[in-house]
Amino acid sequence: MSQQRLTMLISGKVQGVYYRASAAEKATELGVTGYAKNLPDGRVELVAEGPSAALSSLRQWCHEGPPAAKVDGIDANESPATGEFTRFETR
């Protein structure tokens, strides 16, 4: 099964609402590695690597996020996995 990399910039009310922690839980549940971090402009950057089906599920989850979040949009792109991550973490 080939590994892919998904990079997303998530905008909306996504900081201060446990978005990163919830995304890390979901990613770990799906067996995906990578990270989620807050950006100075109020967005969350999420980089994930794993099987395409798992990344698709994570991407779908990211459109909703945790209950307190309000996602306005996601800029996403896919590329080949680099294999640089061993787990999913918040930064």
PDB file of N, CA and C in Angstrom:
ATOM      1  N   MET A   1       0.854  -1.174   0.000  1.00  0.00           N
ATOM      2  CA  MET A   1       0.000   0.000   0.000  1.00  0.00           C
ATOM      3  C   MET A   1       0.898   1.234   0.000  1.00  0.00           C
ATOM      4  N   SER A   2       0.716   2.128  -0.970  1.00  0.00           N
ATOM      5  CA  SER A   2       1.591   3.291  -1.065  1.00  0.00           C
ATOM      6  C   SER A   2       1.196   4.372  -0.070  1.00  0.00           C
ATOM      7  N   GLN A   3       2.193   5.028   0.439  1.00  0.00           N
ATOM      8  CA  GLN A   3       2.000   6.102   1.407  1.00  0.00           C
ATOM      9  C   GLN A   3       1.954   7.439   0.661  1.00  0.00           C
ATOM     10  N   GLN A   4       1.092   8.315   1.121  1.00  0.00           N
ATOM     11  CA  GLN A   4       0.959   9.644   0.545  1.00  0.00           C
ATOM     12  C   GLN A   4       1.164  10.687   1.637  1.00  0.00           C
ATOM     13  N   ARG A   5       1.392  11.916   1.216  1.00  0.00           N
ATOM     14  CA  ARG A   5       1.521  13.035   2.142  1.00  0.00           C
ATOM     15  C   ARG A   5       0.419  14.029   1.827  1.00  0.00           C
ATOM     16  N   LEU A   6      -0.261  14.496   2.856  1.00  0.00           N
ATOM     17  CA  LEU A   6      -1.334  15.483   2.718  1.00  0.00           C
ATOM     18  C   LEU A   6      -0.959  16.682   3.573  1.00  0.00           C
ATOM     19  N   THR A   7      -0.878  17.851   2.942  1.00  0.00           N
ATOM     20  CA  THR A   7      -0.597  19.093   3.651  1.00  0.00           C
ATOM     21  C   THR A   7      -1.837  19.965   3.571  1.00  0.00           C
ATOM     22  N   MET A   8      -2.331  20.406   4.735  1.00  0.00           N
ATOM     23  CA  MET A   8      -3.538  21.224   4.762  1.00  0.00           C
ATOM     24  C   MET A   8      -3.315  22.479   5.601  1.00  0.00           C
ATOM     25  N   LEU A   9      -3.859  23.585   5.122  1.00  0.00           N
ATOM     26  CA  LEU A   9      -3.924  24.828   5.880  1.00  0.00           C
ATOM     27  C   LEU A   9      -5.395  25.059   6.162  1.00  0.00           C
ATOM     28  N   ILE A  10      -5.764  24.989   7.425  1.00  0.00           N
ATOM     29  CA  ILE A  10      -7.162  25.008   7.837  1.00  0.00           C
ATOM     30  C   ILE A  10      -7.475  26.370   8.441  1.00  0.00           C
ATOM     31  N   SER A  11      -8.489  27.036   7.886  1.00  0.00           N
ATOM     32  CA  SER A  11      -8.835  28.369   8.373  1.00  0.00           C
ATOM     33  C   SER A  11     -10.215  28.373   9.014  1.00  0.00           C
ATOM     34  N   GLY A  12     -10.447  29.371   9.845  1.00  0.00           N
ATOM     35  CA  GLY A  12     -11.701  29.509  10.573  1.00  0.00           C
ATOM     36  C   GLY A  12     -11.407  29.637  12.056  1.00  0.00           C
ATOM     37  N   LYS A  13     -12.369  29.246  12.880  1.00  0.00           N
ATOM     38  CA  LYS A  13     -12.154  29.242  14.325  1.00  0.00           C
ATOM     39  C   LYS A  13     -11.532  27.897  14.685  1.00  0.00           C
ATOM     40  N   VAL A  14     -10.202  27.827  14.532  1.00  0.00           N
ATOM     41  CA  VAL A  14      -9.505  26.557  14.709  1.00  0.00           C
ATOM     42  C   VAL A  14      -8.375  26.632  15.743  1.00  0.00           C
ATOM     43  N   GLN A  15      -8.208  27.791  16.367  1.00  0.00           N
ATOM     44  CA  GLN A  15      -7.234  27.898  17.450  1.00  0.00           C
ATOM     45  C   GLN A  15      -7.981  28.158  18.750  1.00  0.00           C
ATOM     46  N   GLY A  16      -7.502  27.533  19.828  1.00  0.00           N
ATOM     47  CA  GLY A  16      -8.143  27.685  21.122  1.00  0.00           C
ATOM     48  C   GLY A  16      -9.395  26.839  21.287  1.00  0.00           C
ATOM     49  N   VAL A  17      -9.592  25.871  20.406  1.00  0.00           N
ATOM     50  CA  VAL A  17     -10.785  25.012  20.460  1.00  0.00           C
ATOM     51  C   VAL A  17     -10.409  23.521  20.444  1.00  0.00           C
ATOM     52  N   TYR A  18      -9.153  23.227  20.809  1.00  0.00           N
ATOM     53  CA  TYR A  18      -8.642  21.851  20.845  1.00  0.00           C
ATOM     54  C   TYR A  18      -8.585  21.195  19.471  1.00  0.00           C
ATOM     55  N   TYR A  19      -8.454  22.010  18.434  1.00  0.00           N
ATOM     56  CA  TYR A  19      -8.401  21.461  17.077  1.00  0.00           C
ATOM     57  C   TYR A  19      -7.180  20.560  16.892  1.00  0.00           C
ATOM     58  N   ARG A  20      -6.003  21.061  17.270  1.00  0.00           N
ATOM     59  CA  ARG A  20      -4.776  20.269  17.079  1.00  0.00           C
ATOM     60  C   ARG A  20      -4.815  18.965  17.862  1.00  0.00           C
ATOM     61  N   ALA A  21      -5.224  19.025  19.126  1.00  0.00           N
ATOM     62  CA  ALA A  21      -5.272  17.818  19.962  1.00  0.00           C
ATOM     63  C   ALA A  21      -6.278  16.812  19.414  1.00  0.00           C
ATOM     64  N   SER A  22      -7.425  17.310  18.982  1.00  0.00           N
ATOM     65  CA  SER A  22      -8.448  16.421  18.415  1.00  0.00           C
ATOM     66  C   SER A  22      -7.974  15.814  17.098  1.00  0.00           C
ATOM     67  N   ALA A  23      -7.292  16.619  16.287  1.00  0.00           N
ATOM     68  CA  ALA A  23      -6.753  16.112  15.018  1.00  0.00           C
ATOM     69  C   ALA A  23      -5.704  15.036  15.278  1.00  0.00           C
ATOM     70  N   ALA A  24      -4.885  15.239  16.306  1.00  0.00           N
ATOM     71  CA  ALA A  24      -3.863  14.246  16.654  1.00  0.00           C
ATOM     72  C   ALA A  24      -4.510  12.928  17.090  1.00  0.00           C
ATOM     73  N   GLU A  25      -5.583  13.024  17.859  1.00  0.00           N
ATOM     74  CA  GLU A  25      -6.300  11.808  18.278  1.00  0.00           C
ATOM     75  C   GLU A  25      -6.857  11.073  17.060  1.00  0.00           C
ATOM     76  N   LYS A  26      -7.483  11.830  16.152  1.00  0.00           N
ATOM     77  CA  LYS A  26      -8.077  11.218  14.966  1.00  0.00           C
ATOM     78  C   LYS A  26      -6.996  10.594  14.081  1.00  0.00           C
ATOM     79  N   ALA A  27      -5.901  11.325  13.879  1.00  0.00           N
ATOM     80  CA  ALA A  27      -4.808  10.821  13.042  1.00  0.00           C
ATOM     81  C   ALA A  27      -4.210   9.540  13.626  1.00  0.00           C
ATOM     82  N   THR A  28      -4.020   9.528  14.941  1.00  0.00           N
ATOM     83  CA  THR A  28      -3.467   8.339  15.598  1.00  0.00           C
ATOM     84  C   THR A  28      -4.424   7.157  15.449  1.00  0.00           C
ATOM     85  N   GLU A  29      -5.715   7.427  15.614  1.00  0.00           N
ATOM     86  CA  GLU A  29      -6.741   6.396  15.436  1.00  0.00           C
ATOM     87  C   GLU A  29      -6.687   5.808  14.016  1.00  0.00           C
ATOM     88  N   LEU A  30      -6.385   6.661  13.029  1.00  0.00           N
ATOM     89  CA  LEU A  30      -6.331   6.225  11.630  1.00  0.00           C
ATOM     90  C   LEU A  30      -4.975   5.648  11.230  1.00  0.00           C
ATOM     91  N   GLY A  31      -3.995   5.700  12.136  1.00  0.00           N
ATOM     92  CA  GLY A  31      -2.667   5.177  11.827  1.00  0.00           C
ATOM     93  C   GLY A  31      -1.847   6.100  10.948  1.00  0.00           C
ATOM     94  N   VAL A  32      -2.116   7.401  11.051  1.00  0.00           N
ATOM     95  CA  VAL A  32      -1.444   8.407  10.233  1.00  0.00           C
ATOM     96  C   VAL A  32      -0.364   9.092  11.069  1.00  0.00           C
ATOM     97  N   THR A  33       0.755   9.450  10.446  1.00  0.00           N
ATOM     98  CA  THR A  33       1.827  10.175  11.135  1.00  0.00           C
ATOM     99  C   THR A  33       1.896  11.606  10.613  1.00  0.00           C
ATOM    100  N   GLY A  34       2.581  12.475  11.375  1.00  0.00           N
ATOM    101  CA  GLY A  34       2.741  13.859  10.948  1.00  0.00           C
ATOM    102  C   GLY A  34       2.597  14.808  12.112  1.00  0.00           C
ATOM    103  N   TYR A  35       2.051  16.005  11.848  1.00  0.00           N
ATOM    104  CA  TYR A  35       1.895  16.995  12.910  1.00  0.00           C
ATOM    105  C   TYR A  35       0.798  17.998  12.578  1.00  0.00           C
ATOM    106  N   ALA A  36       0.351  18.691  13.623  1.00  0.00           N
ATOM    107  CA  ALA A  36      -0.560  19.822  13.482  1.00  0.00           C
ATOM    108  C   ALA A  36       0.009  20.948  14.331  1.00  0.00           C
ATOM    109  N   LYS A  37       0.046  22.167  13.765  1.00  0.00           N
ATOM    110  CA  LYS A  37       0.545  23.299  14.539  1.00  0.00           C
ATOM    111  C   LYS A  37      -0.232  24.559  14.205  1.00  0.00           C
ATOM    112  N   ASN A  38      -0.313  25.448  15.211  1.00  0.00           N
ATOM    113  CA  ASN A  38      -0.942  26.745  15.007  1.00  0.00           C
ATOM    114  C   ASN A  38      -0.001  27.646  14.224  1.00  0.00           C
ATOM    115  N   LEU A  39      -0.574  28.444  13.336  1.00  0.00           N
ATOM    116  CA  LEU A  39       0.197  29.440  12.590  1.00  0.00           C
ATOM    117  C   LEU A  39      -0.130  30.825  13.144  1.00  0.00           C
ATOM    118  N   PRO A  40       0.788  31.773  13.006  1.00  0.00           N
ATOM    119  CA  PRO A  40       0.560  33.122  13.538  1.00  0.00           C
ATOM    120  C   PRO A  40      -0.675  33.817  12.953  1.00  0.00           C
ATOM    121  N   ASP A  41      -1.086  33.435  11.757  1.00  0.00           N
ATOM    122  CA  ASP A  41      -2.242  34.091  11.119  1.00  0.00           C
ATOM    123  C   ASP A  41      -3.589  33.505  11.533  1.00  0.00           C
ATOM    124  N   GLY A  42      -3.585  32.568  12.510  1.00  0.00           N
ATOM    125  CA  GLY A  42      -4.835  32.011  13.012  1.00  0.00           C
ATOM    126  C   GLY A  42      -5.235  30.690  12.383  1.00  0.00           C
ATOM    127  N   ARG A  43      -4.504  30.262  11.357  1.00  0.00           N
ATOM    128  CA  ARG A  43      -4.802  28.959  10.744  1.00  0.00           C
ATOM    129  C   ARG A  43      -4.064  27.846  11.472  1.00  0.00           C
ATOM    130  N   VAL A  44      -4.436  26.613  11.154  1.00  0.00           N
ATOM    131  CA  VAL A  44      -3.715  25.429  11.615  1.00  0.00           C
ATOM    132  C   VAL A  44      -3.096  24.769  10.393  1.00  0.00           C
ATOM    133  N   GLU A  45      -1.817  24.427  10.509  1.00  0.00           N
ATOM    134  CA  GLU A  45      -1.138  23.655   9.468  1.00  0.00           C
ATOM    135  C   GLU A  45      -1.130  22.203   9.917  1.00  0.00           C
ATOM    136  N   LEU A  46      -1.585  21.324   9.040  1.00  0.00           N
ATOM    137  CA  LEU A  46      -1.601  19.901   9.341  1.00  0.00           C
ATOM    138  C   LEU A  46      -0.896  19.173   8.204  1.00  0.00           C
ATOM    139  N   VAL A  47       0.125  18.423   8.557  1.00  0.00           N
ATOM    140  CA  VAL A  47       0.854  17.607   7.593  1.00  0.00           C
ATOM    141  C   VAL A  47       0.711  16.164   8.041  1.00  0.00           C
ATOM    142  N   ALA A  48       0.215  15.312   7.151  1.00  0.00           N
ATOM    143  CA  ALA A  48      -0.038  13.917   7.512  1.00  0.00           C
ATOM    144  C   ALA A  48       0.463  12.989   6.424  1.00  0.00           C
ATOM    145  N   GLU A  49       0.975  11.844   6.851  1.00  0.00           N
ATOM    146  CA  GLU A  49       1.411  10.812   5.916  1.00  0.00           C
ATOM    147  C   GLU A  49       0.780   9.486   6.293  1.00  0.00           C
ATOM    148  N   GLY A  50       0.349   8.747   5.270  1.00  0.00           N
ATOM    149  CA  GLY A  50      -0.253   7.441   5.488  1.00  0.00           C
ATOM    150  C   GLY A  50      -0.918   6.957   4.225  1.00  0.00           C
ATOM    151  N   PRO A  51      -1.668   5.865   4.317  1.00  0.00           N
ATOM    152  CA  PRO A  51      -2.393   5.337   3.161  1.00  0.00           C
ATOM    153  C   PRO A  51      -3.453   6.341   2.691  1.00  0.00           C
ATOM    154  N   SER A  52      -3.714   6.358   1.408  1.00  0.00           N
ATOM    155  CA  SER A  52      -4.673   7.306   0.831  1.00  0.00           C
ATOM    156  C   SER A  52      -6.033   7.276   1.512  1.00  0.00           C
ATOM    157  N   ALA A  53      -6.528   6.086   1.831  1.00  0.00           N
ATOM    158  CA  ALA A  53      -7.853   5.970   2.457  1.00  0.00           C
ATOM    159  C   ALA A  53      -7.865   6.635   3.832  1.00  0.00           C
ATOM    160  N   ALA A  54      -6.798   6.453   4.607  1.00  0.00           N
ATOM    161  CA  ALA A  54      -6.712   7.068   5.934  1.00  0.00           C
ATOM    162  C   ALA A  54      -6.620   8.588   5.807  1.00  0.00           C
ATOM    163  N   LEU A  55      -5.849   9.065   4.840  1.00  0.00           N
ATOM    164  CA  LEU A  55      -5.727  10.513   4.637  1.00  0.00           C
ATOM    165  C   LEU A  55      -7.054  11.120   4.200  1.00  0.00           C
ATOM    166  N   SER A  56      -7.790  10.395   3.391  1.00  0.00           N
ATOM    167  CA  SER A  56      -9.103  10.858   2.961  1.00  0.00           C
ATOM    168  C   SER A  56     -10.046  10.995   4.155  1.00  0.00           C
ATOM    169  N   SER A  57     -10.011  10.016   5.056  1.00  0.00           N
ATOM    170  CA  SER A  57     -10.836  10.072   6.263  1.00  0.00           C
ATOM    171  C   SER A  57     -10.432  11.238   7.154  1.00  0.00           C
ATOM    172  N   LEU A  58      -9.118  11.464   7.294  1.00  0.00           N
ATOM    173  CA  LEU A  58      -8.635  12.576   8.109  1.00  0.00           C
ATOM    174  C   LEU A  58      -9.046  13.912   7.491  1.00  0.00           C
ATOM    175  N   ARG A  59      -8.926  14.007   6.194  1.00  0.00           N
ATOM    176  CA  ARG A  59      -9.309  15.246   5.502  1.00  0.00           C
ATOM    177  C   ARG A  59     -10.799  15.543   5.710  1.00  0.00           C
ATOM    178  N   GLN A  60     -11.612  14.522   5.609  1.00  0.00           N
ATOM    179  CA  GLN A  60     -13.055  14.677   5.829  1.00  0.00           C
ATOM    180  C   GLN A  60     -13.317  15.143   7.261  1.00  0.00           C
ATOM    181  N   TRP A  61     -12.625  14.541   8.236  1.00  0.00           N
ATOM    182  CA  TRP A  61     -12.779  14.944   9.631  1.00  0.00           C
ATOM    183  C   TRP A  61     -12.372  16.419   9.811  1.00  0.00           C
ATOM    184  N   CYS A  62     -11.300  16.830   9.151  1.00  0.00           N
ATOM    185  CA  CYS A  62     -10.785  18.194   9.312  1.00  0.00           C
ATOM    186  C   CYS A  62     -11.786  19.257   8.868  1.00  0.00           C
ATOM    187  N   HIS A  63     -12.688  18.924   7.965  1.00  0.00           N
ATOM    188  CA  HIS A  63     -13.702  19.888   7.535  1.00  0.00           C
ATOM    189  C   HIS A  63     -14.689  20.203   8.660  1.00  0.00           C
ATOM    190  N   GLU A  64     -14.838  19.287   9.616  1.00  0.00           N
ATOM    191  CA  GLU A  64     -15.715  19.497  10.772  1.00  0.00           C
ATOM    192  C   GLU A  64     -14.905  19.895  11.999  1.00  0.00           C
ATOM    193  N   GLY A  65     -13.876  19.120  12.309  1.00  0.00           N
ATOM    194  CA  GLY A  65     -13.065  19.371  13.494  1.00  0.00           C
ATOM    195  C   GLY A  65     -13.814  19.045  14.767  1.00  0.00           C
ATOM    196  N   PRO A  66     -13.267  19.481  15.912  1.00  0.00           N
ATOM    197  CA  PRO A  66     -13.935  19.235  17.188  1.00  0.00           C
ATOM    198  C   PRO A  66     -15.176  20.118  17.319  1.00  0.00           C
ATOM    199  N   PRO A  67     -16.035  19.835  18.299  1.00  0.00           N
ATOM    200  CA  PRO A  67     -17.313  20.555  18.403  1.00  0.00           C
ATOM    201  C   PRO A  67     -17.220  22.081  18.452  1.00  0.00           C
ATOM    202  N   ALA A  68     -16.204  22.637  19.119  1.00  0.00           N
ATOM    203  CA  ALA A  68     -16.114  24.100  19.269  1.00  0.00           C
ATOM    204  C   ALA A  68     -15.525  24.796  18.038  1.00  0.00           C
ATOM    205  N   ALA A  69     -15.008  24.030  17.095  1.00  0.00           N
ATOM    206  CA  ALA A  69     -14.369  24.623  15.912  1.00  0.00           C
ATOM    207  C   ALA A  69     -15.405  25.029  14.867  1.00  0.00           C
ATOM    208  N   LYS A  70     -15.016  26.013  14.051  1.00  0.00           N
ATOM    209  CA  LYS A  70     -15.802  26.374  12.886  1.00  0.00           C
ATOM    210  C   LYS A  70     -14.833  26.519  11.726  1.00  0.00           C
ATOM    211  N   VAL A  71     -14.791  25.519  10.866  1.00  0.00           N
ATOM    212  CA  VAL A  71     -13.858  25.498   9.746  1.00  0.00           C
ATOM    213  C   VAL A  71     -14.462  26.273   8.584  1.00  0.00           C
ATOM    214  N   ASP A  72     -13.739  27.305   8.134  1.00  0.00           N
ATOM    215  CA  ASP A  72     -14.197  28.096   6.989  1.00  0.00           C
ATOM    216  C   ASP A  72     -13.660  27.557   5.668  1.00  0.00           C
ATOM    217  N   GLY A  73     -12.466  26.984   5.709  1.00  0.00           N
ATOM    218  CA  GLY A  73     -11.898  26.471   4.469  1.00  0.00           C
ATOM    219  C   GLY A  73     -10.623  25.691   4.713  1.00  0.00           C
ATOM    220  N   ILE A  74     -10.272  24.877   3.730  1.00  0.00           N
ATOM    221  CA  ILE A  74      -9.036  24.089   3.782  1.00  0.00           C
ATOM    222  C   ILE A  74      -8.347  24.186   2.430  1.00  0.00           C
ATOM    223  N   ASP A  75      -7.089  24.633   2.468  1.00  0.00           N
ATOM    224  CA  ASP A  75      -6.232  24.558   1.284  1.00  0.00           C
ATOM    225  C   ASP A  75      -5.416  23.293   1.456  1.00  0.00           C
ATOM    226  N   ALA A  76      -5.513  22.377   0.504  1.00  0.00           N
ATOM    227  CA  ALA A  76      -4.835  21.089   0.642  1.00  0.00           C
ATOM    228  C   ALA A  76      -4.066  20.729  -0.613  1.00  0.00           C
ATOM    229  N   ASN A  77      -2.955  20.034  -0.413  1.00  0.00           N
ATOM    230  CA  ASN A  77      -2.270  19.437  -1.557  1.00  0.00           C
ATOM    231  C   ASN A  77      -1.658  18.111  -1.132  1.00  0.00           C
ATOM    232  N   GLU A  78      -1.543  17.240  -2.109  1.00  0.00           N
ATOM    233  CA  GLU A  78      -1.005  15.904  -1.874  1.00  0.00           C
ATOM    234  C   GLU A  78       0.313  15.746  -2.603  1.00  0.00           C
ATOM    235  N   SER A  79       1.189  14.947  -2.016  1.00  0.00           N
ATOM    236  CA  SER A  79       2.488  14.659  -2.615  1.00  0.00           C
ATOM    237  C   SER A  79       2.936  13.288  -2.107  1.00  0.00           C
ATOM    238  N   PRO A  80       4.028  12.763  -2.652  1.00  0.00           N
ATOM    239  CA  PRO A  80       4.521  11.484  -2.137  1.00  0.00           C
ATOM    240  C   PRO A  80       5.001  11.632  -0.690  1.00  0.00           C
ATOM    241  N   ALA A  81       4.839  10.591   0.100  1.00  0.00           N
ATOM    242  CA  ALA A  81       5.289  10.611   1.491  1.00  0.00           C
ATOM    243  C   ALA A  81       6.812  10.659   1.551  1.00  0.00           C
ATOM    244  N   THR A  82       7.323  11.316   2.590  1.00  0.00           N
ATOM    245  CA  THR A  82       8.772  11.383   2.791  1.00  0.00           C
ATOM    246  C   THR A  82       9.244  10.365   3.825  1.00  0.00           C
ATOM    247  N   GLY A  83       8.309   9.881   4.669  1.00  0.00           N
ATOM    248  CA  GLY A  83       8.670   8.917   5.698  1.00  0.00           C
ATOM    249  C   GLY A  83       9.399   9.527   6.888  1.00  0.00           C
ATOM    250  N   GLU A  84       9.338  10.862   7.025  1.00  0.00           N
ATOM    251  CA  GLU A  84      10.092  11.529   8.080  1.00  0.00           C
ATOM    252  C   GLU A  84       9.459  11.445   9.471  1.00  0.00           C
ATOM    253  N   PHE A  85       8.203  11.022   9.559  1.00  0.00           N
ATOM    254  CA  PHE A  85       7.503  11.006  10.842  1.00  0.00           C
ATOM    255  C   PHE A  85       7.361   9.593  11.387  1.00  0.00           C
ATOM    256  N   THR A  86       7.404   9.477  12.717  1.00  0.00           N
ATOM    257  CA  THR A  86       7.197   8.172  13.355  1.00  0.00           C
ATOM    258  C   THR A  86       5.881   8.130  14.094  1.00  0.00           C
ATOM    259  N   ARG A  87       5.270   9.292  14.351  1.00  0.00           N
ATOM    260  CA  ARG A  87       3.972   9.364  15.026  1.00  0.00           C
ATOM    261  C   ARG A  87       3.320  10.687  14.641  1.00  0.00           C
ATOM    262  N   PHE A  88       2.131  10.935  15.157  1.00  0.00           N
ATOM    263  CA  PHE A  88       1.461  12.217  14.919  1.00  0.00           C
ATOM    264  C   PHE A  88       1.576  13.051  16.188  1.00  0.00           C
ATOM    265  N   GLU A  89       1.993  14.297  16.042  1.00  0.00           N
ATOM    266  CA  GLU A  89       2.200  15.149  17.216  1.00  0.00           C
ATOM    267  C   GLU A  89       1.625  16.543  16.997  1.00  0.00           C
ATOM    268  N   THR A  90       1.427  17.236  18.093  1.00  0.00           N
ATOM    269  CA  THR A  90       1.064  18.647  18.017  1.00  0.00           C
ATOM    270  C   THR A  90       2.329  19.459  18.256  1.00  0.00           C
ATOM    271  N   ARG A  91       2.422  20.555  17.533  1.00  0.00           N
ATOM    272  CA  ARG A  91       3.599  21.421  17.666  1.00  0.00           C
ATOM    273  C   ARG A  91       3.184  22.801  18.088  1.00  0.00           C
TER     274      ARG A  91
END
